[in-house]
């Protein structure tokens, strides 16, 4: 046999050995299948200005995805629903800048969230999207529909501040200071009262401010009470006007 033929035979054998070794390489890494089925969307998403918090937050609520099952299975450190759904992502879109941001990632079973970072006076559009290992489902509604409007809200400073009541030198309330002028119940207040005297509920210009003895009619009962307060000094006049 010629030397060239012998060398060629040896190379063929070596390549065969390498091929067999390559086929024997294994791995201990688990192979995860891809989930191509996204979870069902949430429904009934609402966003409202949180009552009595001076515009400090917006409260969200929604109905759970139908894939949010009550039975849970644990895979390592991750707890997911039996359907594979892992939770919800809460997004907020600023209607003025059209910028969207992720606010929170919530666990399965969550159906409420309070946005404590909302700035008063800014209109936000919210979206809650269930997700699994490979998918996320958007909250799709028709623009301008009732469902769409229900997820739009602004945080407002709606704290009710009661008006300051005028008081006299004896510390008791003073009635009949309609004009808020000067620092006492004067003829200016009397003329205002006279303009409304005789009016009752149902009359177009009736104003309950002048119905000092509330009975639906500005009558002599109110006049006598006004007369009792006529001339009294308002000790907190500046505070009342400022309030």
Protein backbone atom coordinates (compact mmCIF):
# COMPACT_ATOMS: atom_id res chain seq x y z
CA UNK A 1 0.00 0.00 0.00
CA UNK A 2 1.25 3.42 -0.89
CA UNK A 3 1.95 5.93 1.87
CA UNK A 4 -0.70 8.37 0.58
CA UNK A 5 -3.46 5.73 0.71
CA UNK A 6 -2.45 4.67 4.25
CA UNK A 7 -2.56 8.26 5.54
CA UNK A 8 -5.99 8.79 3.99
CA UNK A 9 -7.34 5.65 5.66
CA UNK A 10 -6.07 6.79 9.09
CA UNK A 11 -7.81 10.20 8.71
CA UNK A 12 -11.11 8.55 7.83
CA UNK A 13 -10.90 6.36 10.96
CA UNK A 14 -10.10 9.39 13.14
CA UNK A 15 -13.07 11.32 11.81
CA UNK A 16 -15.31 8.37 12.56
CA UNK A 17 -14.12 8.24 16.18
CA UNK A 18 -14.69 11.95 16.62
CA UNK A 19 -18.18 11.60 15.19
CA UNK A 20 -19.04 8.86 17.69
CA UNK A 21 -17.70 10.95 20.59
CA UNK A 22 -19.78 13.93 19.52
CA UNK A 23 -22.90 11.83 19.51
CA UNK A 24 -22.20 10.71 23.10
CA UNK A 25 -22.13 14.28 24.54
CA UNK A 26 -25.10 14.75 26.90
CA UNK A 27 -26.39 17.50 29.18
CA UNK A 28 -28.13 17.57 32.53
CA UNK A 29 -29.97 20.84 31.72
CA UNK A 30 -33.77 20.38 31.53
CA UNK A 31 -35.40 21.34 28.25
CA UNK A 32 -38.43 23.62 28.79
CA UNK A 33 -41.21 23.71 26.27
CA UNK A 34 -42.51 27.07 25.06
CA UNK A 35 -46.05 28.00 26.14
CA UNK A 36 -47.83 29.48 23.12
CA UNK A 37 -51.19 29.95 24.85
CA UNK A 38 -51.48 33.33 26.64
CA UNK A 39 -53.63 33.61 29.78
CA UNK A 40 -57.15 35.01 29.49
CA UNK A 41 -57.39 38.79 30.06
CA UNK A 42 -58.82 40.44 33.14
CA UNK A 43 -62.19 42.18 32.93
CA UNK A 44 -64.02 45.01 34.65
CA UNK A 45 -60.93 47.12 35.32
CA UNK A 46 -61.80 50.32 37.21
CA UNK A 47 -59.66 53.23 38.40
CA UNK A 48 -60.97 55.83 40.86
CA UNK A 49 -59.54 58.70 42.84
CA UNK A 50 -59.09 57.32 46.35
CA UNK A 51 -61.63 59.11 48.56
CA UNK A 52 -60.51 61.52 51.28
CA UNK A 53 -56.76 61.24 50.75
CA UNK A 54 -56.17 64.75 49.34
CA UNK A 55 -55.29 63.48 45.88
CA UNK A 56 -52.64 61.11 47.14
CA UNK A 57 -53.52 57.95 45.22
CA UNK A 58 -55.70 56.13 42.69
CA UNK A 59 -57.37 52.80 43.55
CA UNK A 60 -57.67 50.01 40.97
CA UNK A 61 -59.85 46.91 40.95
CA UNK A 62 -60.55 44.17 38.40
CA UNK A 63 -62.03 40.71 37.93
CA UNK A 64 -59.47 37.91 37.84
CA UNK A 65 -58.42 36.17 34.65
CA UNK A 66 -60.36 32.95 34.12
CA UNK A 67 -56.95 31.21 34.03
CA UNK A 68 -56.25 32.36 37.59
CA UNK A 69 -57.05 29.06 39.25
CA UNK A 70 -57.16 28.44 42.99
CA UNK A 71 -54.95 25.32 42.80
CA UNK A 72 -51.21 26.05 42.90
CA UNK A 73 -48.17 23.98 41.95
CA UNK A 74 -44.60 24.78 43.00
CA UNK A 75 -41.73 24.56 40.51
CA UNK A 76 -38.48 25.28 42.36
CA UNK A 77 -38.81 28.76 43.85
CA UNK A 78 -41.66 29.78 41.59
CA UNK A 79 -45.30 29.33 42.55
CA UNK A 80 -47.69 29.33 39.60
CA UNK A 81 -51.30 28.44 39.05
CA UNK A 82 -52.19 25.05 37.69
CA UNK A 83 -52.87 26.69 34.34
CA UNK A 84 -49.35 28.17 34.29
CA UNK A 85 -50.40 31.75 34.97
CA UNK A 86 -47.96 33.52 37.29
CA UNK A 87 -49.57 36.86 38.10
CA UNK A 88 -50.43 40.36 36.89
CA UNK A 89 -48.43 43.33 35.70
CA UNK A 90 -49.95 46.76 36.35
CA UNK A 91 -49.15 49.50 33.84
CA UNK A 92 -49.88 53.23 33.88
CA UNK A 93 -49.97 55.51 30.84
CA UNK A 94 -49.68 59.27 31.30
CA UNK A 95 -52.36 60.76 29.05
CA UNK A 96 -50.39 64.02 28.72
CA UNK A 97 -47.04 62.53 27.65
CA UNK A 98 -48.28 59.19 26.23
CA UNK A 99 -45.55 57.46 28.25
CA UNK A 100 -46.31 54.06 29.80
CA UNK A 101 -44.55 52.57 32.79
CA UNK A 102 -44.71 49.33 34.74
CA UNK A 103 -46.01 50.05 38.25
CA UNK A 104 -46.11 46.64 39.89
CA UNK A 105 -45.90 42.88 39.42
CA UNK A 106 -48.55 41.13 41.50
CA UNK A 107 -49.01 37.49 42.37
CA UNK A 108 -51.84 35.34 41.07
CA UNK A 109 -55.07 35.91 42.97
CA UNK A 110 -54.57 39.70 43.16
CA UNK A 111 -57.52 41.82 42.08
CA UNK A 112 -56.71 45.27 43.52
CA UNK A 113 -53.88 47.78 43.60
CA UNK A 114 -53.41 51.32 44.95
CA UNK A 115 -51.21 53.64 42.91
CA UNK A 116 -49.50 55.74 45.59
CA UNK A 117 -47.23 57.51 43.09
CA UNK A 118 -50.00 59.22 41.10
CA UNK A 119 -49.51 62.98 40.84
CA UNK A 120 -52.57 65.11 41.56
CA UNK A 121 -54.21 66.60 38.48
CA UNK A 122 -52.63 64.22 35.92
CA UNK A 123 -54.89 61.89 33.96
CA UNK A 124 -53.73 58.27 33.85
CA UNK A 125 -54.88 55.27 31.81
CA UNK A 126 -54.32 51.92 33.53
CA UNK A 127 -53.86 48.41 32.20
CA UNK A 128 -53.63 45.12 34.09
CA UNK A 129 -52.08 42.23 32.16
CA UNK A 130 -51.96 38.60 33.33
CA UNK A 131 -48.78 36.75 32.40
CA UNK A 132 -47.27 33.26 32.36
CA UNK A 133 -43.73 32.11 31.65
CA UNK A 134 -43.81 33.17 27.99
CA UNK A 135 -46.83 35.41 27.42
CA UNK A 136 -48.55 38.56 28.60
CA UNK A 137 -52.16 39.46 27.76
CA UNK A 138 -53.05 43.11 27.25
CA UNK A 139 -56.30 44.73 28.42
CA UNK A 140 -58.04 45.37 25.11
CA UNK A 141 -61.14 47.56 25.02
CA UNK A 142 -62.71 49.87 22.46
CA UNK A 143 -61.45 53.44 22.83
CA UNK A 144 -64.17 55.63 24.29
CA UNK A 145 -66.28 52.71 25.51
CA UNK A 146 -67.55 52.43 29.07
CA UNK A 147 -64.85 49.85 29.81
CA UNK A 148 -62.18 52.21 28.50
CA UNK A 149 -63.42 55.24 30.46
CA UNK A 150 -63.66 53.18 33.66
CA UNK A 151 -59.87 52.69 33.72
CA UNK A 152 -59.05 56.40 33.33
CA UNK A 153 -58.66 58.51 36.46
CA UNK A 154 -56.97 61.51 38.03
CA UNK A 155 -55.95 62.01 41.64
CA UNK A 156 -57.71 65.10 42.95
CA UNK A 157 -57.42 67.05 46.17
CA UNK A 158 -61.02 66.42 47.15
CA UNK A 159 -60.61 66.87 50.89
CA UNK A 160 -63.62 68.76 52.21
CA UNK A 161 -62.72 71.77 54.30
CA UNK A 162 -65.78 73.06 56.18
CA UNK A 163 -66.27 76.84 56.12
CA UNK A 164 -65.23 78.79 59.19
CA UNK A 165 -68.23 79.91 61.21
CA UNK A 166 -68.34 83.57 62.29
CA UNK A 167 -68.37 84.03 66.06
CA UNK A 168 -68.99 87.03 68.32
CA UNK A 169 -67.25 88.40 71.36
CA UNK A 170 -69.05 85.86 73.54
CA UNK A 171 -67.68 83.00 71.42
CA UNK A 172 -71.13 82.10 70.09
CA UNK A 173 -72.04 81.90 66.38
CA UNK A 174 -73.25 85.10 64.72
CA UNK A 175 -76.01 84.82 62.11
CA UNK A 176 -76.96 87.33 59.45
CA UNK A 177 -73.48 88.49 58.39
CA UNK A 178 -74.31 87.95 54.73
CA UNK A 179 -72.04 90.55 53.13
CA UNK A 180 -68.81 89.48 54.85
CA UNK A 181 -67.99 93.20 54.87
CA UNK A 182 -66.45 95.03 57.83
CA UNK A 183 -66.48 93.19 61.13
CA UNK A 184 -70.11 93.40 62.24
CA UNK A 185 -73.70 92.68 61.14
CA UNK A 186 -74.71 95.99 59.59
CA UNK A 187 -77.32 97.70 57.43
CA UNK A 188 -75.61 96.27 54.37
CA UNK A 189 -76.63 92.83 55.64
CA UNK A 190 -80.13 94.13 56.46
CA UNK A 191 -80.68 95.33 52.87
CA UNK A 192 -79.52 91.98 51.53
CA UNK A 193 -81.93 90.21 53.87
CA UNK A 194 -84.79 92.53 52.83
CA UNK A 195 -84.20 91.69 49.15
CA UNK A 196 -84.83 88.00 49.92
CA UNK A 197 -87.61 88.40 52.46
CA UNK A 198 -90.79 86.51 51.55
CA UNK A 199 -89.14 84.04 49.17
CA UNK A 200 -89.57 80.30 49.61
CA UNK A 201 -88.41 77.02 48.13
CA UNK A 202 -89.47 76.82 44.51
CA UNK A 203 -88.91 80.53 43.90
CA UNK A 204 -86.12 81.07 41.41
CA UNK A 205 -84.10 83.44 43.59
CA UNK A 206 -84.64 81.64 46.91
CA UNK A 207 -81.34 81.28 48.79
CA UNK A 208 -81.25 79.10 51.91
CA UNK A 209 -78.45 81.35 53.24
CA UNK A 210 -81.14 83.83 54.32
CA UNK A 211 -83.45 81.16 55.77
CA UNK A 212 -81.93 81.52 59.25
CA UNK A 213 -84.65 79.39 60.84
CA UNK A 214 -84.72 76.64 58.21
CA UNK A 215 -88.32 76.04 57.19
CA UNK A 216 -88.21 76.55 53.44
CA UNK A 217 -89.36 80.18 53.64
CA UNK A 218 -87.66 83.48 54.50
CA UNK A 219 -90.18 84.95 56.91
CA UNK A 220 -90.54 86.82 60.19
CA UNK A 221 -88.97 83.98 62.15
CA UNK A 222 -85.81 84.69 60.18
CA UNK A 223 -86.23 88.45 60.59
CA UNK A 224 -86.45 88.27 64.39
CA UNK A 225 -83.35 86.06 64.55
CA UNK A 226 -81.53 88.50 62.25
CA UNK A 227 -82.58 91.37 64.52
CA UNK A 228 -81.09 89.55 67.54
CA UNK A 229 -77.73 89.43 65.75
CA UNK A 230 -77.83 92.92 64.25
CA UNK A 231 -74.84 95.03 65.31
CA UNK A 232 -72.81 92.12 66.73
CA UNK A 233 -69.06 92.21 66.15
CA UNK A 234 -67.41 89.31 64.31
CA UNK A 235 -64.21 88.54 66.18
CA UNK A 236 -62.82 86.19 63.52
CA UNK A 237 -63.92 88.19 60.45
CA UNK A 238 -60.53 87.96 58.71
CA UNK A 239 -60.34 84.19 59.26
CA UNK A 240 -63.87 83.70 57.88
CA UNK A 241 -63.10 85.72 54.78
CA UNK A 242 -59.83 83.87 54.27
CA UNK A 243 -61.55 80.53 54.62
